[in-house]
Amino acid sequence: MSGLAFHPAKFFREVRSEVIKVTWPSRKETLVTTGLVFAMAALAALFFFTADQIIGVFVRLLFGAAS
């Protein structure tokens, strides 16, 4: 059971050594990636809105509730 003991100082040393290994993105990379995420979200929203409208038209035609 002694192998499962928690040693805070050792834990924080290990965390610090792992954080040093992280490759952080540059400001430009972060901005480009953020822009792409927003663009893809907008395209997905437009696609699903269009698909919903088209399906809605067919459903209204199918059930004769054209308005």
Protein backbone atom coordinates (compact mmCIF):
# COMPACT_ATOMS: atom_id res chain seq x y z
CA MET A 1 0.00 0.00 0.00
CA SER A 2 2.90 2.41 0.55
CA GLY A 3 3.29 2.67 -3.25
CA LEU A 4 -0.08 4.41 -3.37
CA ALA A 5 0.84 7.18 -0.93
CA PHE A 6 0.43 10.74 -2.18
CA HIS A 7 3.48 12.99 -2.10
CA PRO A 8 2.46 16.59 -2.92
CA ALA A 9 5.98 17.89 -3.52
CA LYS A 10 6.77 15.07 -5.93
CA PHE A 11 3.44 15.57 -7.68
CA PHE A 12 4.10 19.28 -8.28
CA ARG A 13 7.64 18.60 -9.53
CA GLU A 14 6.24 16.12 -12.04
CA VAL A 15 3.52 18.53 -13.13
CA ARG A 16 6.07 21.28 -13.63
CA SER A 17 8.33 19.00 -15.71
CA GLU A 18 5.36 18.01 -17.89
CA VAL A 19 4.22 21.61 -18.42
CA ILE A 20 7.70 22.50 -19.65
CA LYS A 21 7.35 19.80 -22.35
CA VAL A 22 4.14 21.32 -23.76
CA THR A 23 4.43 23.04 -27.13
CA TRP A 24 2.17 26.07 -26.85
CA PRO A 25 0.68 27.54 -30.06
CA SER A 26 1.69 30.99 -31.18
CA ARG A 27 -0.77 33.88 -31.13
CA LYS A 28 -1.14 33.66 -34.92
CA GLU A 29 -1.86 29.91 -34.80
CA THR A 30 -4.47 30.47 -32.10
CA LEU A 31 -6.21 33.24 -34.06
CA VAL A 32 -6.22 31.22 -37.30
CA THR A 33 -7.58 28.14 -35.56
CA THR A 34 -10.26 30.18 -33.78
CA GLY A 35 -11.30 31.76 -37.08
CA LEU A 36 -11.55 28.35 -38.73
CA VAL A 37 -13.68 27.02 -35.88
CA PHE A 38 -16.11 29.95 -36.20
CA ALA A 39 -16.22 29.58 -40.00
CA MET A 40 -16.94 25.85 -39.81
CA ALA A 41 -19.62 26.44 -37.17
CA ALA A 42 -21.27 29.03 -39.43
CA LEU A 43 -21.14 26.66 -42.41
CA ALA A 44 -22.63 23.83 -40.36
CA ALA A 45 -25.40 26.14 -39.11
CA LEU A 46 -26.16 27.25 -42.68
CA PHE A 47 -26.19 23.66 -43.93
CA PHE A 48 -28.55 22.43 -41.20
CA PHE A 49 -30.82 25.46 -41.58
CA THR A 50 -31.09 24.84 -45.33
CA ALA A 51 -31.63 21.10 -44.87
CA ASP A 52 -34.33 21.80 -42.24
CA GLN A 53 -36.13 24.22 -44.54
CA ILE A 54 -36.08 21.76 -47.47
CA ILE A 55 -37.27 18.87 -45.31
CA GLY A 56 -39.99 21.13 -43.87
CA VAL A 57 -41.27 21.93 -47.36
CA PHE A 58 -41.49 18.24 -48.22
CA VAL A 59 -43.23 17.39 -44.95
CA ARG A 60 -45.79 20.19 -45.48
CA LEU A 61 -46.41 18.92 -49.03
CA LEU A 62 -46.70 15.35 -47.80
CA PHE A 63 -49.30 16.18 -45.17
CA GLY A 64 -51.09 18.83 -47.24
CA ALA A 65 -50.46 21.62 -44.77
CA ALA A 66 -48.90 24.02 -47.26
CA SER A 67 -49.16 27.54 -45.95
